[in-house]
Protein backbone atom coordinates (compact mmCIF):
# COMPACT_ATOMS: atom_id res chain seq x y z
CA MET A 1 1.07 141.67 19.44
CA SER A 2 0.17 141.62 15.80
CA LYS A 3 2.21 142.43 12.76
CA LEU A 4 0.35 144.18 9.82
CA ASP A 5 0.82 142.01 6.98
CA LYS A 6 0.27 142.60 2.98
CA GLY A 7 -3.22 140.98 3.01
CA MET A 8 -4.35 143.07 6.21
CA MET A 9 -3.10 146.07 3.87
CA ILE A 10 -5.25 145.17 1.02
CA GLU A 11 -8.04 144.61 3.10
CA ASN A 12 -7.63 148.29 4.85
CA MET A 13 -7.37 149.85 1.46
CA CYS A 14 -10.59 148.36 0.37
CA LYS A 15 -12.33 149.45 3.55
CA ARG A 16 -11.09 153.28 2.91
CA GLU A 17 -11.99 153.30 -0.57
CA LYS A 18 -15.37 151.94 -1.41
CA GLY A 19 -15.67 150.12 -4.67
CA LEU A 20 -12.10 149.12 -4.68
CA THR A 21 -11.77 145.21 -5.11
CA LYS A 22 -9.34 143.21 -3.42
CA ALA A 23 -7.48 142.30 -6.75
CA ALA A 24 -7.15 145.87 -7.62
CA ALA A 25 -5.91 146.81 -4.47
CA GLY A 26 -3.33 143.98 -4.51
CA ARG A 27 -2.07 145.06 -7.82
CA ILE A 28 -1.79 148.97 -6.62
CA LEU A 29 0.15 147.43 -3.29
CA ASN A 30 2.44 145.49 -5.42
CA GLY A 31 3.14 148.20 -8.06
CA ILE A 32 3.97 150.52 -5.06
CA LEU A 33 6.27 147.93 -3.69
CA ASP A 34 7.90 147.01 -6.67
CA ASP A 35 8.77 150.95 -7.35
CA ILE A 36 10.34 151.09 -4.20
CA ALA A 37 12.28 147.99 -4.33
CA ASP A 38 13.45 148.69 -8.22
CA ALA A 39 14.53 152.29 -7.21
CA THR A 40 16.72 151.12 -4.43
CA VAL A 41 18.26 148.45 -6.21
CA ASN A 42 19.25 151.04 -8.78
CA GLY A 43 20.58 153.31 -5.94
CA GLU A 44 17.94 155.46 -6.27
CA GLY A 45 16.23 157.14 -2.94
CA VAL A 46 12.49 157.18 -2.54
CA VAL A 47 10.92 159.88 -0.56
CA PHE A 48 7.26 160.12 0.94
CA SER A 49 7.05 163.44 2.41
CA ASN A 50 6.01 163.15 6.49
CA PHE A 51 6.57 159.40 6.14
CA GLY A 52 9.99 158.58 5.49
CA SER A 53 12.56 158.00 2.85
CA TRP A 54 14.57 154.76 1.76
CA THR A 55 18.49 155.12 0.60
CA THR A 56 21.16 152.36 0.10
CA VAL A 57 24.23 152.77 1.84
CA PRO A 58 27.50 150.84 1.09
CA THR A 59 28.94 148.29 3.60
CA GLN A 60 32.55 147.72 4.01
CA ALA A 61 33.85 144.02 3.82
CA ARG A 62 34.45 142.58 7.54
CA THR A 63 35.28 139.73 9.58
CA GLY A 64 32.55 138.01 11.15
CA ARG A 65 31.93 135.05 13.32
CA ASN A 66 29.91 131.55 12.64
CA PRO A 67 27.67 131.59 15.77
CA ARG A 68 27.39 127.93 15.56
CA THR A 69 31.38 127.39 15.49
CA ASN A 70 32.91 130.20 16.65
CA GLU A 71 34.75 130.58 13.48
CA GLU A 72 35.86 133.55 11.85
CA ILE A 73 34.60 134.32 8.38
CA GLN A 74 34.71 137.09 5.71
CA ILE A 75 31.56 139.12 4.97
CA PRO A 76 31.97 140.76 1.82
CA ALA A 77 31.20 144.28 0.86
CA GLY A 78 27.62 145.01 -0.10
CA ARG A 79 24.73 147.47 0.32
CA ARG A 80 21.80 147.66 2.62
CA ILE A 81 18.76 149.61 2.89
CA LYS A 82 18.32 152.33 5.28
CA PHE A 83 15.03 153.69 6.22
CA ILE A 84 14.68 157.26 7.68
CA PRO A 85 11.28 157.89 9.42
CA GLY A 86 9.98 161.63 8.65
CA LYS A 87 8.97 164.34 10.42
CA GLY A 88 4.84 163.50 10.31
CA PHE A 89 5.71 159.78 11.11
CA LYS A 90 8.25 160.58 14.15
CA GLN A 91 5.48 162.84 15.56
CA GLN A 92 3.20 160.13 15.57
CA LEU A 93 5.40 157.64 17.27
């Protein structure tokens, strides 16, 4: 099973949009990814209709375990990113 990576996405963009260079497609993709990252870091949600949404959710401090030593460790509170697929995306699955 292969994985879609950034380079493949850029190539696919160029195939779909004739005349789009790889450099331009890379700048566009980087801009989109930067906007998503900036918004989520700032606690804002990101929504793409029929595809999905990204939000940040808080996590509580908890006790974990080091798998190598089996020693208990304290994991601090923080935030994680949550992706919720949209209706159109779910239907494709």
